[in-house]
Protein backbone atom coordinates (compact mmCIF):
# COMPACT_ATOMS: atom_id res chain seq x y z
CA UNK A 1 3.86 -22.09 -44.19
CA UNK A 2 5.04 -25.41 -42.75
CA UNK A 3 3.27 -28.72 -42.62
CA UNK A 4 4.14 -29.22 -38.95
CA UNK A 5 5.08 -27.25 -35.89
CA UNK A 6 8.69 -26.83 -34.81
CA UNK A 7 9.60 -29.04 -31.84
CA UNK A 8 12.62 -29.59 -29.60
CA UNK A 9 13.81 -32.37 -31.90
CA UNK A 10 14.52 -29.66 -34.48
CA UNK A 11 16.85 -27.70 -32.21
CA UNK A 12 19.98 -29.80 -32.85
CA UNK A 13 19.66 -29.70 -36.69
CA UNK A 14 19.10 -25.93 -36.53
CA UNK A 15 22.15 -25.48 -34.31
CA UNK A 16 24.16 -27.65 -36.74
CA UNK A 17 23.21 -25.32 -39.62
CA UNK A 18 24.18 -22.30 -37.53
CA UNK A 19 27.54 -23.85 -36.59
CA UNK A 20 28.23 -24.54 -40.29
CA UNK A 21 27.50 -20.88 -41.13
CA UNK A 22 29.77 -19.73 -38.28
CA UNK A 23 32.68 -21.81 -39.61
CA UNK A 24 32.19 -20.34 -43.10
CA UNK A 25 32.54 -16.79 -41.74
CA UNK A 26 29.75 -15.58 -43.98
CA UNK A 27 29.80 -11.76 -44.27
CA UNK A 28 26.72 -9.63 -43.60
CA UNK A 29 26.13 -7.36 -46.60
CA UNK A 30 23.86 -4.34 -46.36
CA UNK A 31 21.86 -3.58 -49.51
CA UNK A 32 19.37 -0.82 -50.25
CA UNK A 33 16.45 -1.72 -52.52
CA UNK A 34 13.42 0.15 -53.83
CA UNK A 35 9.94 -0.79 -52.72
CA UNK A 36 9.20 -2.14 -56.21
CA UNK A 37 12.27 -4.43 -56.12
CA UNK A 38 11.38 -5.59 -52.63
CA UNK A 39 7.85 -6.56 -53.68
CA UNK A 40 9.26 -8.60 -56.58
CA UNK A 41 11.95 -10.20 -54.41
CA UNK A 42 9.57 -11.24 -51.62
CA UNK A 43 6.44 -11.81 -53.72
CA UNK A 44 6.39 -15.46 -52.61
CA UNK A 45 5.82 -14.44 -48.96
CA UNK A 46 2.50 -12.73 -48.20
CA UNK A 47 3.64 -11.68 -44.74
CA UNK A 48 6.70 -9.82 -45.99
CA UNK A 49 4.62 -8.28 -48.80
CA UNK A 50 2.22 -6.96 -46.15
CA UNK A 51 5.10 -5.47 -44.13
CA UNK A 52 6.65 -3.85 -47.19
CA UNK A 53 3.36 -2.29 -48.25
CA UNK A 54 2.63 -1.16 -44.70
CA UNK A 55 6.07 0.14 -43.65
CA UNK A 56 7.78 1.34 -46.85
CA UNK A 57 6.20 4.41 -48.52
CA UNK A 58 5.75 4.33 -52.32
CA UNK A 59 8.71 5.67 -54.27
CA UNK A 60 11.18 5.06 -51.43
CA UNK A 61 13.63 2.33 -50.50
CA UNK A 62 14.76 0.39 -47.45
CA UNK A 63 17.50 -2.04 -46.47
CA UNK A 64 17.96 -5.77 -46.63
CA UNK A 65 20.90 -7.83 -45.40
CA UNK A 66 22.47 -10.77 -47.21
CA UNK A 67 24.33 -13.49 -45.32
CA UNK A 68 25.31 -16.56 -47.33
CA UNK A 69 22.19 -17.87 -49.09
CA UNK A 70 19.85 -15.80 -46.86
CA UNK A 71 18.53 -12.36 -47.72
CA UNK A 72 15.93 -10.65 -45.56
CA UNK A 73 14.42 -7.33 -44.57
CA UNK A 74 16.45 -5.78 -41.77
CA UNK A 75 17.57 -2.38 -40.49
CA UNK A 76 20.80 -3.75 -39.05
CA UNK A 77 23.52 -3.32 -38.03
CA UNK A 78 25.13 -6.75 -37.63
CA UNK A 79 28.51 -8.19 -36.72
CA UNK A 80 30.90 -8.10 -39.71
CA UNK A 81 30.59 -11.86 -40.32
CA UNK A 82 29.29 -15.04 -38.74
CA UNK A 83 32.80 -15.92 -37.57
CA UNK A 84 32.41 -13.33 -34.79
CA UNK A 85 29.92 -15.70 -33.18
CA UNK A 86 31.65 -18.41 -31.17
CA UNK A 87 28.68 -20.00 -29.36
CA UNK A 88 25.08 -20.37 -30.53
CA UNK A 89 22.08 -22.22 -29.11
CA UNK A 90 18.37 -22.53 -29.89
CA UNK A 91 16.54 -21.82 -26.65
CA UNK A 92 12.83 -22.30 -27.31
CA UNK A 93 10.01 -22.01 -29.84
CA UNK A 94 6.47 -20.69 -29.67
CA UNK A 95 3.43 -19.80 -31.73
CA UNK A 96 2.67 -16.17 -32.49
CA UNK A 97 -0.16 -14.49 -34.38
CA UNK A 98 0.98 -12.39 -37.32
CA UNK A 99 1.15 -8.76 -36.11
CA UNK A 100 -0.10 -9.95 -32.72
CA UNK A 101 -3.67 -10.12 -33.99
CA UNK A 102 -5.61 -13.30 -33.06
CA UNK A 103 -7.61 -12.98 -36.27
CA UNK A 104 -4.43 -13.44 -38.34
CA UNK A 105 -2.47 -16.61 -39.12
CA UNK A 106 -0.58 -18.33 -36.34
CA UNK A 107 3.15 -18.37 -37.16
CA UNK A 108 6.10 -20.10 -35.55
CA UNK A 109 8.79 -18.25 -33.64
CA UNK A 110 12.22 -19.70 -32.81
CA UNK A 111 14.38 -18.08 -30.13
CA UNK A 112 18.16 -18.36 -30.28
CA UNK A 113 21.05 -16.74 -28.47
CA UNK A 114 24.72 -16.26 -29.31
CA UNK A 115 27.86 -15.27 -27.43
CA UNK A 116 31.39 -14.39 -28.53
CA UNK A 117 32.73 -16.73 -25.86
CA UNK A 118 31.77 -20.34 -24.96
CA UNK A 119 32.31 -19.62 -21.25
CA UNK A 120 29.67 -16.90 -21.47
CA UNK A 121 27.26 -19.37 -23.06
CA UNK A 122 27.95 -21.90 -20.29
CA UNK A 123 27.38 -19.24 -17.62
CA UNK A 124 24.13 -18.19 -19.31
CA UNK A 125 22.86 -21.77 -19.36
CA UNK A 126 23.69 -22.19 -15.67
CA UNK A 127 21.76 -18.97 -14.99
CA UNK A 128 18.77 -20.33 -16.92
CA UNK A 129 18.91 -23.60 -14.97
CA UNK A 130 18.85 -21.72 -11.67
CA UNK A 131 16.05 -19.47 -12.91
CA UNK A 132 14.04 -22.55 -13.93
CA UNK A 133 14.45 -24.02 -10.42
CA UNK A 134 13.16 -20.74 -8.98
CA UNK A 135 10.30 -20.30 -11.48
CA UNK A 136 7.37 -19.03 -9.41
CA UNK A 137 4.93 -21.13 -11.44
CA UNK A 138 6.84 -24.30 -10.50
CA UNK A 139 7.21 -23.36 -6.82
CA UNK A 140 3.60 -22.17 -6.71
CA UNK A 141 2.44 -25.66 -7.69
CA UNK A 142 4.89 -27.50 -5.44
CA UNK A 143 4.02 -25.43 -2.37
CA UNK A 144 0.32 -25.21 -3.27
CA UNK A 145 0.32 -21.41 -3.23
CA UNK A 146 -1.75 -20.64 -6.32
CA UNK A 147 -2.91 -22.02 -9.67
CA UNK A 148 -4.61 -20.91 -12.86
CA UNK A 149 -7.62 -22.42 -14.60
CA UNK A 150 -8.97 -22.12 -18.14
CA UNK A 151 -12.34 -21.10 -16.70
CA UNK A 152 -10.79 -17.74 -15.71
CA UNK A 153 -7.63 -17.09 -17.77
CA UNK A 154 -5.18 -14.62 -16.30
CA UNK A 155 -6.80 -14.69 -12.87
CA UNK A 156 -4.94 -16.53 -10.12
CA UNK A 157 -6.64 -18.83 -7.62
CA UNK A 158 -4.74 -18.28 -4.38
CA UNK A 159 -4.87 -21.37 -2.17
CA UNK A 160 -4.74 -21.06 1.65
CA UNK A 161 -0.93 -21.00 1.85
CA UNK A 162 -0.64 -18.48 -0.99
CA UNK A 163 -3.32 -16.33 0.60
CA UNK A 164 -1.24 -16.24 3.79
CA UNK A 165 1.59 -14.60 1.83
CA UNK A 166 -0.85 -12.27 0.04
CA UNK A 167 -2.44 -11.10 3.31
CA UNK A 168 0.91 -10.73 5.07
CA UNK A 169 2.19 -8.42 2.34
CA UNK A 170 -0.96 -6.32 2.53
CA UNK A 171 -0.74 -6.19 6.35
CA UNK A 172 2.90 -5.08 6.06
CA UNK A 173 1.90 -2.19 3.80
CA UNK A 174 -1.11 -1.35 6.01
CA UNK A 175 1.21 -1.05 9.03
CA UNK A 176 3.25 1.47 7.08
CA UNK A 177 0.12 3.33 5.97
CA UNK A 178 -0.83 3.75 9.63
CA UNK A 179 2.60 5.09 10.54
CA UNK A 180 2.90 7.37 7.48
CA UNK A 181 -0.49 9.05 7.53
CA UNK A 182 -2.30 7.26 4.69
CA UNK A 183 -6.08 6.77 4.84
CA UNK A 184 -7.35 3.55 3.30
CA UNK A 185 -10.47 3.83 1.12
CA UNK A 186 -12.72 1.42 -0.77
CA UNK A 187 -13.91 2.43 -4.23
CA UNK A 188 -16.22 0.76 -6.80
CA UNK A 189 -14.97 -1.87 -9.24
CA UNK A 190 -17.18 -0.72 -12.11
CA UNK A 191 -17.75 2.76 -13.50
CA UNK A 192 -19.72 4.34 -16.32
CA UNK A 193 -17.32 4.85 -19.24
CA UNK A 194 -17.99 8.58 -19.05
CA UNK A 195 -15.61 8.60 -16.07
CA UNK A 196 -12.84 7.14 -18.22
CA UNK A 197 -13.60 9.62 -20.99
CA UNK A 198 -13.29 12.47 -18.51
CA UNK A 199 -10.00 11.12 -17.17
CA UNK A 200 -8.61 10.62 -20.69
CA UNK A 201 -8.09 6.88 -20.28
CA UNK A 202 -10.85 5.81 -22.66
CA UNK A 203 -9.18 7.15 -25.80
CA UNK A 204 -5.84 5.50 -25.01
CA UNK A 205 -6.79 2.51 -22.89
CA UNK A 206 -10.24 1.22 -23.86
CA UNK A 207 -8.85 -1.85 -25.70
CA UNK A 208 -7.28 -2.97 -22.43
CA UNK A 209 -10.50 -2.61 -20.42
CA UNK A 210 -13.38 -5.01 -19.84
CA UNK A 211 -16.60 -3.22 -20.71
CA UNK A 212 -20.24 -4.32 -20.47
CA UNK A 213 -23.70 -2.87 -21.00
CA UNK A 214 -25.94 -2.13 -18.00
CA UNK A 215 -29.43 -0.74 -18.67
CA UNK A 216 -28.33 0.54 -22.09
CA UNK A 217 -25.36 2.36 -20.57
CA UNK A 218 -21.76 1.25 -21.12
CA UNK A 219 -19.72 0.49 -18.01
CA UNK A 220 -16.16 -0.82 -17.55
CA UNK A 221 -14.23 -2.61 -14.81
CA UNK A 222 -11.56 -0.29 -13.45
CA UNK A 223 -7.96 -0.89 -14.57
CA UNK A 224 -6.66 1.76 -12.14
CA UNK A 225 -7.88 3.69 -9.10
CA UNK A 226 -6.94 7.31 -9.81
CA UNK A 227 -10.20 8.55 -11.46
CA UNK A 228 -12.26 7.12 -8.60
CA UNK A 229 -10.00 8.81 -6.06
CA UNK A 230 -10.50 12.12 -7.91
CA UNK A 231 -14.25 11.72 -7.37
CA UNK A 232 -13.59 11.14 -3.67
CA UNK A 233 -11.45 14.25 -3.36
CA UNK A 234 -14.01 16.32 -5.24
CA UNK A 235 -17.07 15.16 -3.31
CA UNK A 236 -16.96 18.31 -1.13
CA UNK A 237 -15.05 21.55 -0.67
CA UNK A 238 -11.47 21.03 0.48
CA UNK A 239 -9.26 23.36 2.50
CA UNK A 240 -5.50 23.79 2.33
CA UNK A 241 -5.51 22.77 6.00
CA UNK A 242 -6.53 19.21 4.99
CA UNK A 243 -3.61 18.73 2.60
CA UNK A 244 -1.87 16.49 2.00
CA UNK A 245 -4.65 13.89 1.66
CA UNK A 246 -3.29 10.40 1.10
CA UNK A 247 -5.86 7.91 -0.26
CA UNK A 248 -4.72 4.25 -0.29
CA UNK A 249 -6.71 1.55 -2.09
CA UNK A 250 -6.22 -2.21 -2.41
CA UNK A 251 -9.20 -2.44 -4.78
CA UNK A 252 -9.37 -5.23 -7.36
CA UNK A 253 -8.25 -4.10 -10.84
CA UNK A 254 -8.85 -5.72 -14.23
CA UNK A 255 -6.90 -5.27 -17.46
CA UNK A 256 -7.74 -7.09 -20.67
CA UNK A 257 -4.29 -8.46 -21.46
CA UNK A 258 -3.96 -10.53 -24.64
CA UNK A 259 -4.10 -14.25 -23.91
CA UNK A 260 -0.65 -14.76 -25.45
CA UNK A 261 0.85 -12.19 -23.06
CA UNK A 262 -0.39 -13.87 -19.87
CA UNK A 263 2.59 -15.25 -17.92
CA UNK A 264 2.00 -16.73 -14.47
CA UNK A 265 1.61 -14.02 -11.84
CA UNK A 266 3.78 -11.52 -13.71
CA UNK A 267 1.13 -10.69 -16.32
CA UNK A 268 -2.47 -11.20 -15.23
CA UNK A 269 -5.93 -9.83 -15.91
CA UNK A 270 -7.11 -9.58 -12.29
CA UNK A 271 -4.83 -8.10 -9.64
CA UNK A 272 -4.52 -5.76 -6.68
CA UNK A 273 -2.00 -2.98 -6.04
CA UNK A 274 -0.78 -1.10 -2.99
CA UNK A 275 -2.08 1.89 -4.87
CA UNK A 276 -2.18 5.35 -3.31
CA UNK A 277 -2.78 8.90 -4.50
CA UNK A 278 -1.52 11.90 -2.59
CA UNK A 279 -3.38 15.19 -3.14
CA UNK A 280 -1.11 18.04 -2.08
CA UNK A 281 -0.12 21.64 -2.67
CA UNK A 282 2.73 22.45 -5.03
CA UNK A 283 4.77 23.55 -2.01
CA UNK A 284 4.33 20.09 -0.42
CA UNK A 285 5.58 18.04 -3.37
CA UNK A 286 9.19 17.89 -2.18
CA UNK A 287 8.33 16.58 1.28
CA UNK A 288 5.80 14.08 -0.09
CA UNK A 289 8.33 12.78 -2.62
CA UNK A 290 10.91 12.39 0.11
CA UNK A 291 8.37 10.43 2.17
CA UNK A 292 7.50 8.21 -0.81
CA UNK A 293 11.18 7.45 -1.43
CA UNK A 294 11.72 6.60 2.24
CA UNK A 295 8.65 4.32 2.16
CA UNK A 296 9.97 2.53 -0.91
CA UNK A 297 13.48 2.16 0.54
CA UNK A 298 12.18 0.66 3.79
CA UNK A 299 10.02 -1.94 1.99
CA UNK A 300 12.69 -2.98 -0.52
CA UNK A 301 15.33 -3.09 2.21
CA UNK A 302 13.10 -5.46 4.19
CA UNK A 303 13.00 -7.80 1.17
CA UNK A 304 16.77 -7.54 0.69
CA UNK A 305 16.47 -5.85 -2.71
CA UNK A 306 18.84 -3.25 -4.09
CA UNK A 307 17.37 -0.59 -6.35
CA UNK A 308 18.22 2.12 -8.87
CA UNK A 309 16.45 5.45 -9.44
CA UNK A 310 15.82 7.45 -12.60
CA UNK A 311 14.21 10.87 -12.93
CA UNK A 312 12.14 11.01 -16.13
CA UNK A 313 11.50 14.59 -17.23
CA UNK A 314 9.18 16.53 -19.56
CA UNK A 315 8.52 14.76 -22.90
CA UNK A 316 8.03 16.53 -26.22
CA UNK A 317 4.25 16.18 -25.94
CA UNK A 318 3.07 17.36 -22.56
CA UNK A 319 0.19 19.10 -20.83
CA UNK A 320 0.51 22.18 -18.63
CA UNK A 321 2.84 25.13 -18.34
CA UNK A 322 6.61 24.77 -18.71
CA UNK A 323 7.18 26.85 -15.57
CA UNK A 324 5.12 24.39 -13.49
CA UNK A 325 7.03 21.45 -15.00
CA UNK A 326 10.37 23.11 -14.28
CA UNK A 327 9.40 23.75 -10.67
CA UNK A 328 8.16 20.17 -10.18
CA UNK A 329 11.29 18.67 -11.74
CA UNK A 330 13.48 20.83 -9.51
CA UNK A 331 11.58 19.62 -6.45
CA UNK A 332 12.09 16.01 -7.56
CA UNK A 333 15.81 16.64 -8.08
CA UNK A 334 16.14 18.09 -4.59
CA UNK A 335 14.16 15.18 -3.08
CA UNK A 336 16.40 12.65 -4.83
CA UNK A 337 19.57 14.48 -3.81
CA UNK A 338 18.46 14.60 -0.17
CA UNK A 339 17.46 10.94 -0.31
CA UNK A 340 21.11 10.22 -1.03
CA UNK A 341 20.87 6.93 -2.92
CA UNK A 342 22.21 8.21 -6.24
CA UNK A 343 20.07 8.59 -9.34
CA UNK A 344 20.21 9.02 -13.12
CA UNK A 345 18.50 11.54 -15.36
CA UNK A 346 16.22 10.10 -18.04
CA UNK A 347 15.44 13.18 -20.18
CA UNK A 348 12.13 13.38 -22.02
CA UNK A 349 10.73 10.08 -20.71
CA UNK A 350 8.21 11.49 -18.24
CA UNK A 351 4.49 10.90 -18.64
CA UNK A 352 2.58 13.52 -20.63
CA UNK A 353 0.85 14.62 -17.41
CA UNK A 354 3.94 15.04 -15.20
CA UNK A 355 7.53 13.99 -14.37
CA UNK A 356 8.16 10.71 -12.56
CA UNK A 357 10.73 8.68 -10.68
CA UNK A 358 11.23 5.15 -12.02
CA UNK A 359 12.54 2.59 -9.52
CA UNK A 360 14.19 -0.65 -10.65
CA UNK A 361 14.90 -3.44 -8.17
CA UNK A 362 17.47 -6.22 -8.51
CA UNK A 363 16.79 -9.74 -7.19
CA UNK A 364 19.07 -12.54 -5.98
CA UNK A 365 19.88 -13.56 -9.57
CA UNK A 366 20.72 -10.00 -10.59
CA UNK A 367 17.56 -9.62 -12.68
CA UNK A 368 15.94 -6.21 -12.85
CA UNK A 369 12.23 -5.44 -12.33
CA UNK A 370 10.29 -2.21 -12.18
CA UNK A 371 7.60 -2.38 -9.51
CA UNK A 372 7.47 0.94 -7.67
CA UNK A 373 6.50 4.16 -9.38
CA UNK A 374 6.20 7.73 -8.15
CA UNK A 375 4.54 10.09 -10.65
CA UNK A 376 3.41 13.68 -10.48
CA UNK A 377 0.14 14.49 -12.23
CA UNK A 378 -1.08 17.96 -13.24
CA UNK A 379 -3.67 16.70 -15.72
CA UNK A 380 -6.27 14.84 -13.63
CA UNK A 381 -6.86 17.78 -11.25
CA UNK A 382 -7.65 19.88 -14.35
CA UNK A 383 -9.89 17.25 -15.94
CA UNK A 384 -11.86 16.74 -12.74
CA UNK A 385 -11.87 20.44 -11.77
CA UNK A 386 -10.33 19.62 -8.39
CA UNK A 387 -9.56 22.54 -6.13
CA UNK A 388 -8.95 23.54 -2.53
CA UNK A 389 -9.44 26.78 -0.63
CA UNK A 390 -6.15 28.60 -0.13
CA UNK A 391 -7.30 30.72 2.80
CA UNK A 392 -6.80 34.01 0.98
CA UNK A 393 -9.45 36.72 1.08
CA UNK A 394 -9.45 37.26 -2.69
CA UNK A 395 -12.47 35.40 -4.14
CA UNK A 396 -10.81 35.09 -7.57
CA UNK A 397 -7.57 33.63 -6.30
CA UNK A 398 -8.98 31.81 -3.28
CA UNK A 399 -8.83 28.38 -4.94
CA UNK A 400 -5.93 26.34 -6.38
CA UNK A 401 -5.55 23.03 -8.11
CA UNK A 402 -3.89 20.27 -6.07
CA UNK A 403 -1.06 18.17 -7.46
CA UNK A 404 -1.61 14.39 -7.50
CA UNK A 405 1.25 12.03 -6.70
CA UNK A 406 0.59 8.48 -7.98
CA UNK A 407 2.64 5.99 -5.98
CA UNK A 408 2.92 2.26 -5.47
CA UNK A 409 5.71 0.28 -3.83
CA UNK A 410 4.78 -3.37 -4.30
CA UNK A 411 2.95 -2.52 -7.51
CA UNK A 412 0.82 -5.51 -8.40
CA UNK A 413 0.71 -7.77 -5.33
CA UNK A 414 0.52 -10.76 -7.68
CA UNK A 415 3.65 -9.72 -9.56
CA UNK A 416 5.52 -8.98 -6.34
CA UNK A 417 4.68 -12.46 -5.03
CA UNK A 418 6.14 -13.91 -8.25
CA UNK A 419 9.33 -11.86 -7.79
CA UNK A 420 9.65 -12.76 -4.10
CA UNK A 421 9.01 -16.44 -4.79
CA UNK A 422 11.89 -16.53 -7.26
CA UNK A 423 14.13 -14.26 -5.18
CA UNK A 424 13.79 -16.50 -2.09
CA UNK A 425 13.59 -19.69 -4.22
CA UNK A 426 10.58 -20.70 -2.13
CA UNK A 427 12.56 -20.40 1.14
CA UNK A 428 10.33 -17.78 2.72
CA UNK A 429 11.63 -15.71 5.65
CA UNK A 430 9.71 -16.41 8.87
CA UNK A 431 7.55 -13.26 8.84
CA UNK A 432 6.34 -13.95 5.29
CA UNK A 433 6.31 -17.75 5.38
CA UNK A 434 3.09 -19.72 4.85
CA UNK A 435 4.62 -22.72 6.65
CA UNK A 436 6.42 -21.56 9.76
CA UNK A 437 6.59 -24.56 12.12
CA UNK A 438 6.18 -28.32 11.73
CA UNK A 439 5.78 -30.29 14.95
CA UNK A 440 7.10 -33.87 14.61
CA UNK A 441 6.17 -36.35 17.38
CA UNK A 442 8.68 -39.18 17.85
CA UNK A 443 6.01 -41.77 18.73
CA UNK A 444 2.26 -42.02 19.06
CA UNK A 445 2.61 -41.69 22.83
CA UNK A 446 3.31 -37.94 22.45
CA UNK A 447 0.69 -37.14 19.78
CA UNK A 448 -1.46 -35.35 22.34
CA UNK A 449 1.52 -33.25 23.48
CA UNK A 450 2.37 -32.44 19.83
CA UNK A 451 -1.18 -31.13 19.35
CA UNK A 452 -0.84 -29.08 22.54
CA UNK A 453 2.39 -27.50 21.22
CA UNK A 454 0.64 -26.76 17.93
CA UNK A 455 -2.18 -25.00 19.77
CA UNK A 456 0.27 -22.92 21.83
CA UNK A 457 2.11 -21.78 18.71
CA UNK A 458 -1.15 -21.17 16.85
CA UNK A 459 -2.42 -18.95 19.65
CA UNK A 460 0.87 -17.05 19.47
CA UNK A 461 0.06 -16.24 15.82
CA UNK A 462 2.09 -18.80 13.87
CA UNK A 463 1.22 -21.16 11.02
CA UNK A 464 1.80 -24.62 12.50
CA UNK A 465 1.22 -28.22 11.38
CA UNK A 466 1.70 -31.58 13.08
CA UNK A 467 2.91 -34.67 11.21
CA UNK A 468 1.07 -37.67 12.66
CA UNK A 469 1.59 -39.82 9.58
CA UNK A 470 3.00 -43.35 9.67
CA UNK A 471 6.34 -42.21 8.20
CA UNK A 472 9.60 -42.69 10.09
CA UNK A 473 10.99 -39.82 12.13
CA UNK A 474 13.72 -39.13 9.58
CA UNK A 475 11.17 -39.17 6.75
CA UNK A 476 8.92 -36.70 8.59
CA UNK A 477 11.85 -34.34 9.17
CA UNK A 478 12.93 -34.61 5.54
CA UNK A 479 9.40 -33.92 4.28
CA UNK A 480 9.25 -30.78 6.42
CA UNK A 481 12.63 -29.64 5.09
CA UNK A 482 11.49 -30.11 1.49
CA UNK A 483 8.29 -28.18 2.25
CA UNK A 484 10.52 -25.31 3.51
CA UNK A 485 9.16 -25.04 7.04
CA UNK A 486 11.25 -22.46 8.88
CA UNK A 487 11.41 -24.55 12.06
CA UNK A 488 10.94 -28.24 12.78
CA UNK A 489 10.06 -29.04 16.40
CA UNK A 490 10.70 -32.66 17.34
CA UNK A 491 8.93 -33.76 20.52
CA UNK A 492 9.38 -36.94 22.52
CA UNK A 493 8.92 -38.12 26.09
CA UNK A 494 11.63 -35.82 27.44
CA UNK A 495 10.16 -32.73 25.73
CA UNK A 496 6.67 -33.65 26.98
CA UNK A 497 7.99 -33.90 30.54
CA UNK A 498 9.86 -30.56 30.29
CA UNK A 499 7.26 -28.64 28.29
CA UNK A 500 9.88 -28.05 25.61
CA UNK A 501 10.61 -28.65 21.92
CA UNK A 502 13.75 -29.78 20.11
CA UNK A 503 14.17 -27.16 17.37
CA UNK A 504 15.85 -27.56 14.00
CA UNK A 505 16.27 -24.29 12.06
CA UNK A 506 15.99 -24.42 8.28
CA UNK A 507 18.66 -21.73 7.81
CA UNK A 508 21.06 -23.01 10.47
CA UNK A 509 22.92 -26.08 9.19
CA UNK A 510 24.35 -26.76 12.65
CA UNK A 511 20.92 -27.59 14.08
CA UNK A 512 19.80 -30.01 11.38
CA UNK A 513 21.50 -33.13 12.75
CA UNK A 514 20.44 -32.42 16.32
CA UNK A 515 18.39 -29.40 17.29
CA UNK A 516 18.49 -27.36 20.47
CA UNK A 517 15.93 -28.06 23.19
CA UNK A 518 14.12 -24.98 24.52
CA UNK A 519 10.91 -24.40 26.49
CA UNK A 520 7.92 -23.70 24.24
CA UNK A 521 7.45 -20.24 25.77
CA UNK A 522 11.11 -19.35 25.09
CA UNK A 523 10.80 -20.65 21.52
CA UNK A 524 7.79 -18.38 20.93
CA UNK A 525 9.71 -15.40 22.30
CA UNK A 526 12.67 -16.13 20.03
CA UNK A 527 10.41 -16.44 17.00
CA UNK A 528 8.68 -13.20 17.94
CA UNK A 529 12.02 -11.41 17.79
CA UNK A 530 12.71 -12.78 14.29
CA UNK A 531 9.19 -12.09 13.06
CA UNK A 532 8.99 -8.52 14.38
CA UNK A 533 12.42 -7.71 12.95
CA UNK A 534 11.34 -9.24 9.61
CA UNK A 535 14.65 -11.07 9.54
CA UNK A 536 15.57 -12.74 6.26
CA UNK A 537 17.15 -15.72 8.08
CA UNK A 538 15.41 -18.20 10.37
CA UNK A 539 18.07 -18.60 13.03
CA UNK A 540 17.36 -18.56 16.75
CA UNK A 541 19.52 -16.39 18.99
């Protein structure tokens, strides 16, 4: 235990010690010690004593590693000696509860990184600098998109401009739902815990749920939509003619994440998903999977993301019959092959209730994120006794269980906004932008015309502002550029006379010194083309 917390002023001395050890080429020596010897060796440290007693069975042994004057518990392996490390840097420090339990002592954690090459270290630091510039928490504050408050930890307050992005993403998905045969539903936020016990979530997930007592009954806020959708499917008899049924739900979800795990929009307690559950026959799984993959590809292609696919198959512990699993996995293989994007097999990593396809996207910095998921589920239909009439005359075999496909493309809308913010570095494409046009009047004489242009663009469905401040023209233009408006429309006496605007495009360097003058109606038409195409660049034809 230290008398003070580690701070950034300690980084340089720590790096100096590391550099000294690197020059000495200290070897890493693996030693195997009995539990009794370990308890004597580390008796001065109550935390290590706890780990030894908890992790090492009586009468057995485990490994430690010695490097110079240091000896510590470790499984290894390590590099042969410290001389193999050419570059080392301390990156950050933080507080952490022992064993992740808030009731335990708060300890200090120091993060370091090493490379065998100094050029690799330099490249890594440049990457971190660029990532820091793109940090969604930083851009969220600067662009007034969202903020967090201690009165509701882990729950984002979306400001008007952030809500524009949020709603646009949801509208985008809703358009696809309409075209792809999904039916949107609204389900309750709070359920009696008996629902979660029936679904199987309570035993494995209750610590991550917010529960409360209502009239001596225990209820919980929903962390996912699937059990509620099972109730909707089972509310009446279903026929094979109705299948597939595709329920989509943007309902608010809550998960009781530990306070130390909350990280901007990427890890929150309150969020919404583009969540959908497809109830289908076994014979329809292949087509539904192919449709889900096409849906995912279209959305990620619109954002400019590349992606990778993995098929995760039956784990050691699973529910259901092997023959059903084998048939489902074969259907997924065929769907992936026909999709044609290439995929990897991830044996034994499926969920206990069914195989799944894991989708990983890659952003502009090459970072990987998993957002979309497509999972088959044989368990929930059993637990909720879901069935549909097959149309056969035999009363005994006239019903079958449906298969449920869990699917989401955006995943958490909050997390996707974080990823998109950093991917675009706050330079939103026109269709997604919360600040699309800034109208800049040259003098006060044309203020009224500037307001008229704003109204025309507003009626055409665009987010428009007018700068009538006392700043100079150049300052107004610069402010709009910093705020990442897609288009800046300068208007003066000539534009007022012609009914036109002088347009500067954010993504077209050639128009920044002097824009092109076009009639307002033509400008709207050109923006409509960009917006409808969901173009990633804001350049007029």
